[in-house]
Amino acid sequence: MAMIRGFFILLVFQLVGEVLARGLYLPAPGPVIGLALLVVALALFRRWRPFDEEALAASDLGQAARGLLAALPLLFVPAGVGVVQYLGLLRDQGLALAAALVVSTVATLIATVGVFLLVKRLVGAWEKA
């Protein structure tokens, strides 16, 4: 039950951050804003009711965080398996893949700048009208 309450707290802060990010058109992602709000809330709570690191780790929030951190390496397993599975292909075609990656990145950057400049011109012409 403690883990569920901890996850609930984390999700509430993420939801509040998401609502603030979208509602106020903030440039930061909602989860980042929610995490910042959680840090502020913990700092304020610590002033009102002092606690140490062991108390925080034993709390519902600490148990949920520990559970998430324990599962974090599982997210890297599929990527690692994919790299190991195609190691021969990477060895044979690595130079071509690297070149394709560089060329596509540069093309994406050029296209992004082009679209930005086009939108900037359109918005400038629209504001003058």
N, C-alpha and C. Protein backbone atom coordinates (compact mmCIF):
# COMPACT_ATOMS: atom_id res chain seq x y z
N MET A 1 0.82 -1.20 0.00
CA MET A 1 0.00 0.00 0.00
C MET A 1 0.87 1.26 0.00
N ALA A 2 2.03 1.17 0.66
CA ALA A 2 2.91 2.34 0.73
C ALA A 2 3.43 2.71 -0.65
N MET A 3 3.76 1.71 -1.47
CA MET A 3 4.25 2.00 -2.82
C MET A 3 3.17 2.66 -3.66
N ILE A 4 1.94 2.24 -3.48
CA ILE A 4 0.84 2.83 -4.25
C ILE A 4 0.67 4.29 -3.87
N ARG A 5 0.74 4.59 -2.58
CA ARG A 5 0.64 6.00 -2.16
C ARG A 5 1.81 6.81 -2.70
N GLY A 6 3.00 6.23 -2.70
CA GLY A 6 4.16 6.92 -3.25
C GLY A 6 4.02 7.19 -4.73
N PHE A 7 3.57 6.20 -5.50
CA PHE A 7 3.34 6.40 -6.92
C PHE A 7 2.26 7.45 -7.15
N PHE A 8 1.23 7.42 -6.30
CA PHE A 8 0.16 8.41 -6.42
C PHE A 8 0.72 9.82 -6.24
N ILE A 9 1.58 10.01 -5.25
CA ILE A 9 2.19 11.33 -5.02
C ILE A 9 3.00 11.75 -6.24
N LEU A 10 3.82 10.83 -6.75
CA LEU A 10 4.62 11.15 -7.93
C LEU A 10 3.75 11.51 -9.13
N LEU A 11 2.69 10.75 -9.34
CA LEU A 11 1.81 11.01 -10.48
C LEU A 11 1.03 12.30 -10.32
N VAL A 12 0.66 12.65 -9.09
CA VAL A 12 -0.05 13.92 -8.86
C VAL A 12 0.87 15.09 -9.21
N PHE A 13 2.12 15.02 -8.77
CA PHE A 13 3.06 16.11 -9.10
C PHE A 13 3.32 16.15 -10.60
N GLN A 14 3.41 15.00 -11.26
CA GLN A 14 3.58 14.99 -12.70
C GLN A 14 2.36 15.59 -13.39
N LEU A 15 1.17 15.27 -12.92
CA LEU A 15 -0.05 15.81 -13.50
C LEU A 15 -0.11 17.32 -13.33
N VAL A 16 0.22 17.81 -12.14
CA VAL A 16 0.21 19.26 -11.90
C VAL A 16 1.24 19.94 -12.82
N GLY A 17 2.41 19.34 -12.95
CA GLY A 17 3.42 19.90 -13.85
C GLY A 17 2.94 19.91 -15.29
N GLU A 18 2.27 18.85 -15.72
CA GLU A 18 1.76 18.78 -17.08
C GLU A 18 0.68 19.83 -17.32
N VAL A 19 -0.21 20.00 -16.35
CA VAL A 19 -1.27 21.01 -16.47
C VAL A 19 -0.65 22.41 -16.54
N LEU A 20 0.34 22.68 -15.69
CA LEU A 20 1.00 23.99 -15.72
C LEU A 20 1.75 24.21 -17.04
N ALA A 21 2.45 23.19 -17.51
CA ALA A 21 3.22 23.32 -18.75
C ALA A 21 2.31 23.60 -19.94
N ARG A 22 1.21 22.88 -20.01
CA ARG A 22 0.31 23.06 -21.15
C ARG A 22 -0.58 24.29 -20.98
N GLY A 23 -1.04 24.52 -19.76
CA GLY A 23 -1.94 25.65 -19.52
C GLY A 23 -1.26 27.00 -19.63
N LEU A 24 -0.01 27.07 -19.19
CA LEU A 24 0.73 28.35 -19.22
C LEU A 24 1.71 28.42 -20.38
N TYR A 25 1.70 27.40 -21.26
CA TYR A 25 2.61 27.34 -22.41
C TYR A 25 4.06 27.51 -21.99
N LEU A 26 4.44 26.77 -20.96
CA LEU A 26 5.82 26.84 -20.47
C LEU A 26 6.73 26.02 -21.38
N PRO A 27 7.98 26.43 -21.52
CA PRO A 27 8.89 25.72 -22.44
C PRO A 27 9.42 24.40 -21.88
N ALA A 28 9.25 24.14 -20.60
CA ALA A 28 9.76 22.91 -19.99
C ALA A 28 8.69 21.83 -20.03
N PRO A 29 9.09 20.56 -20.11
CA PRO A 29 8.12 19.47 -20.10
C PRO A 29 7.41 19.36 -18.74
N GLY A 30 6.19 18.87 -18.77
CA GLY A 30 5.40 18.73 -17.55
C GLY A 30 6.06 17.90 -16.46
N PRO A 31 6.64 16.74 -16.79
CA PRO A 31 7.29 15.95 -15.74
C PRO A 31 8.46 16.68 -15.07
N VAL A 32 9.18 17.50 -15.82
CA VAL A 32 10.29 18.25 -15.23
C VAL A 32 9.74 19.31 -14.27
N ILE A 33 8.67 19.98 -14.67
CA ILE A 33 8.04 20.98 -13.79
C ILE A 33 7.49 20.29 -12.56
N GLY A 34 6.86 19.13 -12.74
CA GLY A 34 6.34 18.38 -11.60
C GLY A 34 7.44 17.96 -10.64
N LEU A 35 8.58 17.54 -11.17
CA LEU A 35 9.71 17.16 -10.32
C LEU A 35 10.23 18.37 -9.54
N ALA A 36 10.30 19.52 -10.21
CA ALA A 36 10.74 20.75 -9.53
C ALA A 36 9.75 21.11 -8.42
N LEU A 37 8.47 20.96 -8.69
CA LEU A 37 7.46 21.23 -7.66
C LEU A 37 7.58 20.25 -6.49
N LEU A 38 7.89 18.99 -6.80
CA LEU A 38 8.08 18.00 -5.74
C LEU A 38 9.28 18.37 -4.86
N VAL A 39 10.35 18.83 -5.47
CA VAL A 39 11.54 19.24 -4.71
C VAL A 39 11.19 20.42 -3.81
N VAL A 40 10.46 21.39 -4.35
CA VAL A 40 10.05 22.55 -3.55
C VAL A 40 9.14 22.11 -2.41
N ALA A 41 8.20 21.22 -2.71
CA ALA A 41 7.28 20.74 -1.67
C ALA A 41 8.04 19.99 -0.57
N LEU A 42 9.01 19.18 -0.95
CA LEU A 42 9.79 18.47 0.06
C LEU A 42 10.63 19.44 0.89
N ALA A 43 11.17 20.48 0.27
CA ALA A 43 11.95 21.47 1.01
C ALA A 43 11.06 22.22 2.00
N LEU A 44 9.86 22.59 1.56
CA LEU A 44 8.94 23.29 2.46
C LEU A 44 8.47 22.37 3.59
N PHE A 45 8.19 21.11 3.25
CA PHE A 45 7.76 20.15 4.26
C PHE A 45 8.88 19.91 5.28
N ARG A 46 10.11 19.92 4.81
CA ARG A 46 11.26 19.70 5.70
C ARG A 46 11.40 20.84 6.69
N ARG A 47 11.08 22.06 6.26
CA ARG A 47 11.12 23.20 7.19
C ARG A 47 10.03 23.09 8.24
N TRP A 48 8.86 22.62 7.81
CA TRP A 48 7.73 22.53 8.73
C TRP A 48 7.88 21.34 9.67
N ARG A 49 8.37 20.24 9.14
CA ARG A 49 8.51 19.02 9.93
C ARG A 49 9.83 18.35 9.55
N PRO A 50 10.91 18.68 10.24
CA PRO A 50 12.24 18.18 9.85
C PRO A 50 12.30 16.65 9.77
N PHE A 51 13.02 16.17 8.78
CA PHE A 51 13.27 14.74 8.60
C PHE A 51 14.65 14.56 8.01
N ASP A 52 15.20 13.36 8.19
CA ASP A 52 16.52 13.07 7.64
C ASP A 52 16.37 12.16 6.42
N GLU A 53 17.49 11.79 5.84
CA GLU A 53 17.45 10.98 4.61
C GLU A 53 16.87 9.60 4.85
N GLU A 54 17.14 9.03 6.03
CA GLU A 54 16.58 7.70 6.32
C GLU A 54 15.07 7.75 6.42
N ALA A 55 14.54 8.82 7.01
CA ALA A 55 13.09 8.96 7.12
C ALA A 55 12.46 9.13 5.74
N LEU A 56 13.13 9.89 4.87
CA LEU A 56 12.62 10.07 3.51
C LEU A 56 12.67 8.75 2.74
N ALA A 57 13.74 7.99 2.90
CA ALA A 57 13.86 6.70 2.21
C ALA A 57 12.81 5.71 2.71
N ALA A 58 12.43 5.80 3.98
CA ALA A 58 11.44 4.87 4.54
C ALA A 58 10.02 5.31 4.25
N SER A 59 9.83 6.54 3.76
CA SER A 59 8.48 7.05 3.49
C SER A 59 7.89 6.38 2.26
N ASP A 60 6.61 6.64 2.03
CA ASP A 60 5.94 6.10 0.85
C ASP A 60 6.62 6.57 -0.43
N LEU A 61 6.98 7.82 -0.45
CA LEU A 61 7.64 8.39 -1.63
C LEU A 61 9.00 7.75 -1.85
N GLY A 62 9.75 7.54 -0.79
CA GLY A 62 11.05 6.89 -0.89
C GLY A 62 10.95 5.46 -1.38
N GLN A 63 9.95 4.73 -0.91
CA GLN A 63 9.77 3.34 -1.35
C GLN A 63 9.40 3.28 -2.83
N ALA A 64 8.55 4.20 -3.26
CA ALA A 64 8.17 4.23 -4.68
C ALA A 64 9.39 4.59 -5.54
N ALA A 65 10.17 5.55 -5.09
CA ALA A 65 11.38 5.94 -5.84
C ALA A 65 12.36 4.78 -5.90
N ARG A 66 12.52 4.07 -4.80
CA ARG A 66 13.43 2.92 -4.79
C ARG A 66 12.94 1.85 -5.75
N GLY A 67 11.63 1.63 -5.79
CA GLY A 67 11.07 0.65 -6.73
C GLY A 67 11.30 1.04 -8.18
N LEU A 68 11.12 2.32 -8.49
CA LEU A 68 11.37 2.79 -9.85
C LEU A 68 12.84 2.67 -10.23
N LEU A 69 13.72 3.02 -9.30
CA LEU A 69 15.15 2.92 -9.58
C LEU A 69 15.60 1.47 -9.74
N ALA A 70 14.96 0.56 -9.02
CA ALA A 70 15.30 -0.85 -9.15
C ALA A 70 14.91 -1.39 -10.52
N ALA A 71 13.83 -0.86 -11.09
CA ALA A 71 13.36 -1.33 -12.40
C ALA A 71 14.02 -0.59 -13.56
N LEU A 72 14.74 0.48 -13.29
CA LEU A 72 15.34 1.29 -14.35
C LEU A 72 16.27 0.50 -15.28
N PRO A 73 17.12 -0.37 -14.78
CA PRO A 73 17.99 -1.12 -15.71
C PRO A 73 17.24 -1.99 -16.71
N LEU A 74 16.02 -2.38 -16.38
CA LEU A 74 15.24 -3.19 -17.31
C LEU A 74 14.94 -2.43 -18.60
N LEU A 75 14.91 -1.11 -18.53
CA LEU A 75 14.63 -0.33 -19.73
C LEU A 75 15.80 -0.34 -20.71
N PHE A 76 17.00 -0.64 -20.22
CA PHE A 76 18.17 -0.67 -21.08
C PHE A 76 18.42 -2.04 -21.68
N VAL A 77 17.76 -3.07 -21.20
CA VAL A 77 17.99 -4.43 -21.69
C VAL A 77 17.62 -4.57 -23.16
N PRO A 78 16.44 -4.11 -23.61
CA PRO A 78 16.13 -4.28 -25.05
C PRO A 78 17.14 -3.60 -25.97
N ALA A 79 17.58 -2.41 -25.62
CA ALA A 79 18.57 -1.71 -26.46
C ALA A 79 19.89 -2.47 -26.48
N GLY A 80 20.31 -2.95 -25.33
CA GLY A 80 21.56 -3.71 -25.26
C GLY A 80 21.48 -5.01 -26.04
N VAL A 81 20.35 -5.69 -25.95
CA VAL A 81 20.16 -6.93 -26.70
C VAL A 81 20.18 -6.65 -28.20
N GLY A 82 19.55 -5.54 -28.60
CA GLY A 82 19.53 -5.18 -30.01
C GLY A 82 20.93 -4.91 -30.54
N VAL A 83 21.74 -4.21 -29.76
CA VAL A 83 23.11 -3.91 -30.19
C VAL A 83 23.91 -5.20 -30.29
N VAL A 84 23.80 -6.07 -29.30
CA VAL A 84 24.56 -7.32 -29.31
C VAL A 84 24.07 -8.23 -30.44
N GLN A 85 22.77 -8.23 -30.68
CA GLN A 85 22.21 -9.09 -31.72
C GLN A 85 22.72 -8.68 -33.10
N TYR A 86 22.90 -7.40 -33.32
CA TYR A 86 23.33 -6.91 -34.63
C TYR A 86 24.77 -6.42 -34.62
N LEU A 87 25.59 -6.98 -33.75
CA LEU A 87 26.99 -6.57 -33.66
C LEU A 87 27.75 -6.82 -34.96
N GLY A 88 27.48 -7.93 -35.60
CA GLY A 88 28.13 -8.23 -36.88
C GLY A 88 27.73 -7.23 -37.95
N LEU A 89 26.46 -6.90 -37.99
CA LEU A 89 25.98 -5.91 -38.95
C LEU A 89 26.59 -4.54 -38.67
N LEU A 90 26.69 -4.20 -37.41
CA LEU A 90 27.32 -2.93 -37.04
C LEU A 90 28.80 -2.91 -37.44
N ARG A 91 29.47 -4.03 -37.30
CA ARG A 91 30.88 -4.11 -37.68
C ARG A 91 31.02 -3.96 -39.19
N ASP A 92 30.14 -4.63 -39.94
CA ASP A 92 30.22 -4.60 -41.41
C ASP A 92 29.75 -3.27 -41.99
N GLN A 93 28.70 -2.72 -41.45
CA GLN A 93 28.07 -1.53 -42.02
C GLN A 93 28.19 -0.29 -41.14
N GLY A 94 29.08 -0.33 -40.17
CA GLY A 94 29.19 0.76 -39.20
C GLY A 94 29.50 2.11 -39.82
N LEU A 95 30.40 2.12 -40.80
CA LEU A 95 30.77 3.38 -41.44
C LEU A 95 29.59 3.97 -42.21
N ALA A 96 28.87 3.12 -42.93
CA ALA A 96 27.69 3.59 -43.67
C ALA A 96 26.60 4.08 -42.72
N LEU A 97 26.41 3.37 -41.61
CA LEU A 97 25.41 3.81 -40.62
C LEU A 97 25.79 5.14 -39.99
N ALA A 98 27.07 5.31 -39.69
CA ALA A 98 27.53 6.57 -39.11
C ALA A 98 27.36 7.71 -40.11
N ALA A 99 27.69 7.46 -41.36
CA ALA A 99 27.52 8.50 -42.39
C ALA A 99 26.05 8.85 -42.56
N ALA A 100 25.18 7.84 -42.59
CA ALA A 100 23.75 8.11 -42.72
C ALA A 100 23.23 8.90 -41.53
N LEU A 101 23.73 8.58 -40.36
CA LEU A 101 23.32 9.30 -39.15
C LEU A 101 23.74 10.76 -39.21
N VAL A 102 24.97 11.02 -39.63
CA VAL A 102 25.46 12.40 -39.72
C VAL A 102 24.70 13.17 -40.79
N VAL A 103 24.53 12.57 -41.98
CA VAL A 103 23.84 13.25 -43.07
C VAL A 103 22.39 13.54 -42.70
N SER A 104 21.71 12.57 -42.11
CA SER A 104 20.30 12.80 -41.75
C SER A 104 20.17 13.84 -40.64
N THR A 105 21.11 13.88 -39.72
CA THR A 105 21.08 14.90 -38.67
C THR A 105 21.27 16.29 -39.25
N VAL A 106 22.24 16.43 -40.15
CA VAL A 106 22.47 17.74 -40.78
C VAL A 106 21.26 18.14 -41.62
N ALA A 107 20.69 17.19 -42.38
CA ALA A 107 19.50 17.50 -43.18
C ALA A 107 18.33 17.92 -42.31
N THR A 108 18.16 17.27 -41.18
CA THR A 108 17.09 17.64 -40.26
C THR A 108 17.31 19.04 -39.70
N LEU A 109 18.54 19.35 -39.34
CA LEU A 109 18.83 20.70 -38.83
C LEU A 109 18.57 21.76 -39.89
N ILE A 110 18.99 21.50 -41.12
CA ILE A 110 18.76 22.46 -42.21
C ILE A 110 17.27 22.64 -42.46
N ALA A 111 16.52 21.54 -42.49
CA ALA A 111 15.07 21.63 -42.69
C ALA A 111 14.40 22.39 -41.54
N THR A 112 14.85 22.16 -40.32
CA THR A 112 14.28 22.85 -39.17
C THR A 112 14.53 24.35 -39.26
N VAL A 113 15.73 24.73 -39.62
CA VAL A 113 16.05 26.16 -39.77
C VAL A 113 15.22 26.76 -40.90
N GLY A 114 15.08 26.04 -42.01
CA GLY A 114 14.27 26.53 -43.13
C GLY A 114 12.82 26.75 -42.73
N VAL A 115 12.25 25.79 -42.03
CA VAL A 115 10.86 25.93 -41.58
C VAL A 115 10.73 27.08 -40.59
N PHE A 116 11.69 27.22 -39.69
CA PHE A 116 11.67 28.32 -38.73
C PHE A 116 11.69 29.67 -39.45
N LEU A 117 12.59 29.82 -40.43
CA LEU A 117 12.68 31.08 -41.16
C LEU A 117 11.40 31.35 -41.96
N LEU A 118 10.83 30.32 -42.56
CA LEU A 118 9.58 30.48 -43.29
C LEU A 118 8.45 30.92 -42.37
N VAL A 119 8.32 30.27 -41.24
CA VAL A 119 7.27 30.64 -40.29
C VAL A 119 7.51 32.04 -39.76
N LYS A 120 8.75 32.38 -39.51
CA LYS A 120 9.08 33.73 -39.02
C LYS A 120 8.65 34.78 -40.05
N ARG A 121 8.93 34.52 -41.33
CA ARG A 121 8.50 35.46 -42.38
C ARG A 121 6.99 35.56 -42.46
N LEU A 122 6.32 34.41 -42.42
CA LEU A 122 4.86 34.40 -42.50
C LEU A 122 4.22 35.13 -41.33
N VAL A 123 4.74 34.91 -40.15
CA VAL A 123 4.21 35.57 -38.96
C VAL A 123 4.50 37.07 -39.03
N GLY A 124 5.68 37.45 -39.51
CA GLY A 124 6.01 38.87 -39.66
C GLY A 124 5.12 39.55 -40.67
N ALA A 125 4.85 38.87 -41.80
CA ALA A 125 3.96 39.43 -42.82
C ALA A 125 2.53 39.49 -42.31
N TRP A 126 2.13 38.51 -41.52
CA TRP A 126 0.77 38.47 -40.98
C TRP A 126 0.58 39.59 -39.96
N GLU A 127 1.60 39.86 -39.14
CA GLU A 127 1.49 40.92 -38.13
C GLU A 127 1.45 42.30 -38.78
N LYS A 128 2.12 42.47 -39.93
CA LYS A 128 2.12 43.77 -40.60
C LYS A 128 0.78 44.06 -41.26
N ALA A 129 0.05 43.02 -41.62
CA ALA A 129 -1.24 43.21 -42.32
C ALA A 129 -2.37 43.63 -41.41
